[in-house]
Amino acid sequence: MSREHGPSESLAGRRVLVTGASSGIGEAIALAVVAAGAHAALLARSADRLREVAGQLGGTTVAVPADVTDVLAMRDAVDLAAERLGGLDAVVACAGVARPGTVAEGDPADFRLMVEVNVLGVVHTVQAALPHLIASGAGDIVTMSSMSGRRVPRGTMGVYSGTKFAVHAISEGLRLELEDEPVRVTTIAPGYVDTAIADDVPGERGKAFRDAVSSNGIRPSTVADLVVTALGAPREAELVELAVLPTGE
């Protein structure tokens, strides 16, 4: 677990909860915020892997296993994270899944999973974290969308894109909802990122997605640096959206 370079912003002493932290972008974000001086709580379904990542990061990093689709489990896990860190200053809602498939022939179970994780998972995360973020007096919400939440890249990505469009809408609604509260909202919208997000997608649709990701994807650490930039911005500034494409995409 290494980084070729680090962001210049300091998050010293900030208490940050990261979902989807057991792998991919979420794991990279966990590493980046800790490297920038934050105390981190890591949340994902895979308890063993999550504890492994937390152990590698060391310090005050804590693991709070939970499924973002389970609203009651999320409330308990986020409250536990806040208890163990002494509060929360930021939450990064990074848990997500991708299941390419056309509306005509796609698996409804895949579509349901994407909605539950990519959309409701964000809502559950933010609902559980909001009281702690408001109490901190200087809170941040970072939602992980995608360039697919700004345009539909291909015919097999319509439903996935729909879930990411929803993340943009939810984030904009939150910004309006929280305009009188000390909480900023930032959406990160990367293009292809070189992760294993499509490794379990079968058939040609999975292969096409994996080929595109492996040939064009940016490093997860690049996305993580954008998160640290957003969290480290002066409080007078709110970075509404950071959209990034691989230079070759």
Protein backbone atom coordinates (compact mmCIF):
# COMPACT_ATOMS: atom_id res chain seq x y z
CA MET A 1 0.00 0.00 0.00
CA SER A 2 2.07 2.93 -1.25
CA ARG A 3 1.67 6.33 -2.87
CA GLU A 4 3.94 7.85 -5.49
CA HIS A 5 3.13 11.35 -4.29
CA GLY A 6 0.99 13.02 -1.68
CA PRO A 7 -1.32 16.02 -1.62
CA SER A 8 -0.02 19.19 0.01
CA GLU A 9 -3.14 19.93 2.06
CA SER A 10 -3.11 18.99 5.72
CA LEU A 11 -6.05 17.30 7.42
CA ALA A 12 -4.29 17.16 10.77
CA GLY A 13 -6.66 16.11 13.52
CA ARG A 14 -9.76 15.85 11.34
CA ARG A 15 -11.98 12.82 11.88
CA VAL A 16 -13.01 11.22 8.61
CA LEU A 17 -15.33 8.29 7.89
CA VAL A 18 -14.79 6.52 4.56
CA THR A 19 -17.25 3.95 3.18
CA GLY A 20 -16.21 1.32 0.65
CA ALA A 21 -12.81 1.45 2.35
CA SER A 22 -11.81 -2.20 1.96
CA SER A 23 -10.61 -1.86 -1.66
CA GLY A 24 -10.27 0.35 -4.73
CA ILE A 25 -10.96 4.07 -4.48
CA GLY A 26 -12.22 3.83 -0.91
CA GLU A 27 -9.02 2.14 0.28
CA ALA A 28 -6.95 4.77 -1.54
CA ILE A 29 -8.96 7.55 0.12
CA ALA A 30 -8.42 6.00 3.53
CA LEU A 31 -4.68 5.94 2.89
CA ALA A 32 -4.67 9.53 1.60
CA VAL A 33 -6.58 11.09 4.49
CA VAL A 34 -4.43 9.29 7.05
CA ALA A 35 -1.27 10.39 5.20
CA ALA A 36 -2.62 13.96 5.39
CA GLY A 37 -2.94 13.70 9.16
CA ALA A 38 -6.59 12.70 9.64
CA HIS A 39 -7.99 10.13 12.05
CA ALA A 40 -10.01 7.68 9.97
CA ALA A 41 -12.89 5.29 10.44
CA LEU A 42 -13.17 2.69 7.69
CA LEU A 43 -16.50 1.13 6.75
CA ALA A 44 -17.26 -1.74 4.36
CA ARG A 45 -18.97 -5.14 4.39
CA SER A 46 -15.78 -7.20 4.38
CA ALA A 47 -14.83 -7.19 8.06
CA ASP A 48 -11.58 -9.15 7.71
CA ARG A 49 -10.27 -7.07 4.82
CA LEU A 50 -11.36 -3.86 6.50
CA ARG A 51 -9.48 -4.70 9.67
CA GLU A 52 -6.44 -5.59 7.57
CA VAL A 53 -6.47 -2.16 5.91
CA ALA A 54 -7.01 -0.41 9.24
CA GLY A 55 -4.13 -2.36 10.74
CA GLN A 56 -1.82 -1.34 7.91
CA LEU A 57 -2.74 2.31 8.35
CA GLY A 58 -2.21 2.10 12.10
CA GLY A 59 -2.48 5.05 14.45
CA THR A 60 -6.02 5.95 15.38
CA THR A 61 -7.57 4.23 12.36
CA VAL A 62 -10.63 2.17 13.29
CA ALA A 63 -12.69 -0.40 11.38
CA VAL A 64 -16.49 -0.39 11.62
CA PRO A 65 -17.85 -3.17 9.37
CA ALA A 66 -21.34 -2.58 7.97
CA ASP A 67 -23.41 -2.86 4.80
CA VAL A 68 -24.42 0.55 3.43
CA THR A 69 -27.74 -0.91 2.26
CA ASP A 70 -28.74 -1.71 5.86
CA VAL A 71 -29.99 1.54 7.36
CA LEU A 72 -30.03 0.33 10.98
CA ALA A 73 -26.56 -1.21 10.74
CA MET A 74 -25.28 2.03 9.24
CA ARG A 75 -26.62 4.11 12.10
CA ASP A 76 -24.95 1.84 14.62
CA ALA A 77 -21.65 1.73 12.71
CA VAL A 78 -21.45 5.50 12.14
CA ASP A 79 -22.31 6.19 15.79
CA LEU A 80 -19.59 3.74 16.82
CA ALA A 81 -17.10 5.45 14.50
CA ALA A 82 -17.96 8.83 16.00
CA GLU A 83 -17.63 7.43 19.52
CA ARG A 84 -14.23 5.89 18.83
CA LEU A 85 -12.87 8.99 17.05
CA GLY A 86 -14.44 11.50 19.41
CA GLY A 87 -16.75 12.85 16.72
CA LEU A 88 -16.81 13.17 12.93
CA ASP A 89 -15.72 16.09 10.78
CA ALA A 90 -16.18 14.48 7.37
CA VAL A 91 -17.77 11.54 5.60
CA VAL A 92 -16.73 10.20 2.21
CA ALA A 93 -19.52 8.09 0.68
CA CYS A 94 -17.48 5.93 -1.65
CA ALA A 95 -19.15 2.50 -1.58
CA GLY A 96 -20.36 1.59 -5.07
CA VAL A 97 -20.94 -1.21 -7.55
CA ALA A 98 -21.14 -1.39 -11.34
CA ARG A 99 -23.15 -3.97 -13.26
CA PRO A 100 -23.27 -3.17 -16.99
CA GLY A 101 -26.40 -4.34 -18.78
CA THR A 102 -29.05 -3.09 -21.15
CA VAL A 103 -32.53 -2.28 -19.91
CA ALA A 104 -33.94 -4.83 -22.37
CA GLU A 105 -31.79 -7.78 -21.28
CA GLY A 106 -30.10 -6.83 -18.02
CA ASP A 107 -30.58 -8.72 -14.78
CA PRO A 108 -33.10 -6.94 -12.52
CA ALA A 109 -31.13 -8.15 -9.51
CA ASP A 110 -28.10 -6.24 -10.80
CA PHE A 111 -30.18 -3.11 -11.25
CA ARG A 112 -31.61 -3.42 -7.76
CA LEU A 113 -28.16 -3.89 -6.27
CA MET A 114 -26.85 -0.74 -7.97
CA VAL A 115 -29.77 1.32 -6.70
CA GLU A 116 -29.41 -0.05 -3.17
CA VAL A 117 -25.65 0.51 -2.95
CA ASN A 118 -25.03 3.53 -5.19
CA VAL A 119 -28.13 5.54 -4.28
CA LEU A 120 -29.65 4.37 -1.00
CA GLY A 121 -26.19 3.60 0.39
CA VAL A 122 -25.28 7.28 0.02
CA VAL A 123 -28.54 8.35 1.68
CA HIS A 124 -28.07 5.92 4.59
CA THR A 125 -24.47 7.06 5.07
CA VAL A 126 -25.31 10.76 5.10
CA GLN A 127 -28.38 10.34 7.31
CA ALA A 128 -26.33 8.54 9.92
CA ALA A 129 -23.41 10.97 9.76
CA LEU A 130 -25.24 14.31 9.61
CA PRO A 131 -25.83 14.87 13.33
CA HIS A 132 -22.13 14.33 13.98
CA LEU A 133 -21.03 16.56 11.09
CA ILE A 134 -23.29 19.39 12.21
CA ALA A 135 -22.06 19.01 15.78
CA SER A 136 -18.45 19.33 14.60
CA GLY A 137 -19.12 22.91 13.45
CA ALA A 138 -17.07 22.40 10.28
CA GLY A 139 -18.35 19.29 8.52
CA ASP A 140 -17.83 17.91 5.04
CA ILE A 141 -19.75 15.43 2.91
CA VAL A 142 -17.99 14.01 -0.13
CA THR A 143 -20.08 11.85 -2.46
CA MET A 144 -18.43 9.64 -5.06
CA SER A 145 -20.25 9.86 -8.38
CA SER A 146 -18.77 9.29 -11.83
CA MET A 147 -18.43 10.92 -15.21
CA SER A 148 -21.18 8.40 -16.00
CA GLY A 149 -23.33 10.58 -13.76
CA ARG A 150 -22.84 13.43 -16.23
CA ARG A 151 -23.34 11.50 -19.48
CA VAL A 152 -24.13 7.91 -20.47
CA PRO A 153 -21.00 6.36 -22.01
CA ARG A 154 -22.60 3.37 -23.76
CA GLY A 155 -25.85 1.45 -24.09
CA THR A 156 -24.96 -1.06 -21.39
CA MET A 157 -24.39 1.65 -18.79
CA GLY A 158 -27.78 3.38 -18.69
CA VAL A 159 -28.95 2.05 -15.34
CA TYR A 160 -25.53 2.46 -13.72
CA SER A 161 -25.40 6.02 -15.06
CA GLY A 162 -28.87 6.59 -13.64
CA THR A 163 -27.63 5.75 -10.17
CA LYS A 164 -24.73 8.15 -10.56
CA PHE A 165 -26.96 10.93 -11.93
CA ALA A 166 -28.93 10.35 -8.73
CA VAL A 167 -25.81 10.92 -6.63
CA HIS A 168 -25.38 14.32 -8.27
CA ALA A 169 -29.03 15.20 -7.57
CA ILE A 170 -28.88 14.00 -3.97
CA SER A 171 -25.71 16.00 -3.41
CA GLU A 172 -27.21 19.17 -4.86
CA GLY A 173 -30.31 18.68 -2.74
CA LEU A 174 -28.11 18.25 0.34
CA ARG A 175 -26.32 21.49 -0.44
CA LEU A 176 -29.65 23.33 -0.47
CA GLU A 177 -30.90 21.46 2.60
CA LEU A 178 -27.78 22.32 4.58
CA GLU A 179 -27.32 25.94 3.49
CA ASP A 180 -27.83 27.12 7.09
CA GLU A 181 -25.63 24.40 8.60
CA PRO A 182 -21.80 24.29 8.87
CA VAL A 183 -21.52 21.39 6.42
CA ARG A 184 -20.09 21.53 2.88
CA VAL A 185 -21.02 19.08 0.10
CA THR A 186 -18.64 18.05 -2.68
CA THR A 187 -19.23 15.55 -5.49
CA ILE A 188 -16.27 13.76 -7.09
CA ALA A 189 -16.94 12.54 -10.64
CA PRO A 190 -14.06 10.48 -12.08
CA GLY A 191 -14.01 8.74 -15.41
CA TYR A 192 -12.44 5.30 -15.65
CA VAL A 193 -10.46 4.36 -12.55
CA ASP A 194 -8.19 1.32 -12.51
CA THR A 195 -9.93 -0.78 -9.86
CA ALA A 196 -11.49 -4.24 -9.62
CA ILE A 197 -15.05 -2.89 -9.65
CA ALA A 198 -16.01 -4.99 -12.71
CA ASP A 199 -13.97 -8.10 -11.95
CA ASP A 200 -17.05 -10.15 -11.07
CA VAL A 201 -19.14 -9.03 -14.07
CA PRO A 202 -19.49 -12.05 -16.39
CA GLY A 203 -19.39 -12.35 -20.17
CA GLU A 204 -18.51 -9.89 -22.88
CA ARG A 205 -20.04 -6.90 -21.11
CA GLY A 206 -17.73 -7.47 -18.16
CA LYS A 207 -14.69 -7.98 -20.40
CA ALA A 208 -15.39 -4.80 -22.35
CA PHE A 209 -15.69 -2.81 -19.13
CA ARG A 210 -12.53 -4.32 -17.65
CA ASP A 211 -10.56 -3.68 -20.85
CA ALA A 212 -11.61 -0.03 -20.87
CA VAL A 213 -10.76 0.38 -17.20
CA SER A 214 -7.36 -1.30 -17.44
CA SER A 215 -6.31 0.55 -20.60
CA ASN A 216 -7.59 4.03 -19.74
CA GLY A 217 -8.17 4.11 -15.99
CA ILE A 218 -6.47 6.59 -13.70
CA ARG A 219 -4.99 5.45 -10.41
CA PRO A 220 -7.26 5.36 -7.36
CA SER A 221 -4.69 7.50 -5.57
CA THR A 222 -5.38 10.31 -8.06
CA VAL A 223 -9.05 10.33 -7.07
CA ALA A 224 -8.04 10.14 -3.41
CA ASP A 225 -5.91 13.27 -3.80
CA LEU A 226 -8.99 15.12 -5.08
CA VAL A 227 -10.88 14.10 -1.94
CA VAL A 228 -8.09 15.45 0.25
CA THR A 229 -8.11 18.67 -1.79
CA ALA A 230 -11.85 19.09 -1.17
CA LEU A 231 -11.57 18.35 2.55
CA GLY A 232 -8.57 20.64 2.93
CA ALA A 233 -10.05 23.64 1.13
CA PRO A 234 -10.46 26.83 3.20
CA ARG A 235 -13.84 26.91 4.92
CA GLU A 236 -14.85 29.98 2.93
CA ALA A 237 -14.79 27.81 -0.21
CA GLU A 238 -17.04 24.88 -1.13
CA LEU A 239 -15.83 22.75 -4.01
CA VAL A 240 -19.16 21.77 -5.53
CA GLU A 241 -17.88 19.20 -8.02
CA LEU A 242 -14.52 17.84 -9.09
CA ALA A 243 -14.83 16.07 -12.44
CA VAL A 244 -11.78 14.30 -13.85
CA LEU A 245 -11.14 12.25 -16.97
CA PRO A 246 -8.10 10.13 -17.80
CA THR A 247 -6.08 12.02 -20.37
CA GLY A 248 -6.60 9.15 -22.82
CA GLU A 249 -10.39 8.80 -22.40
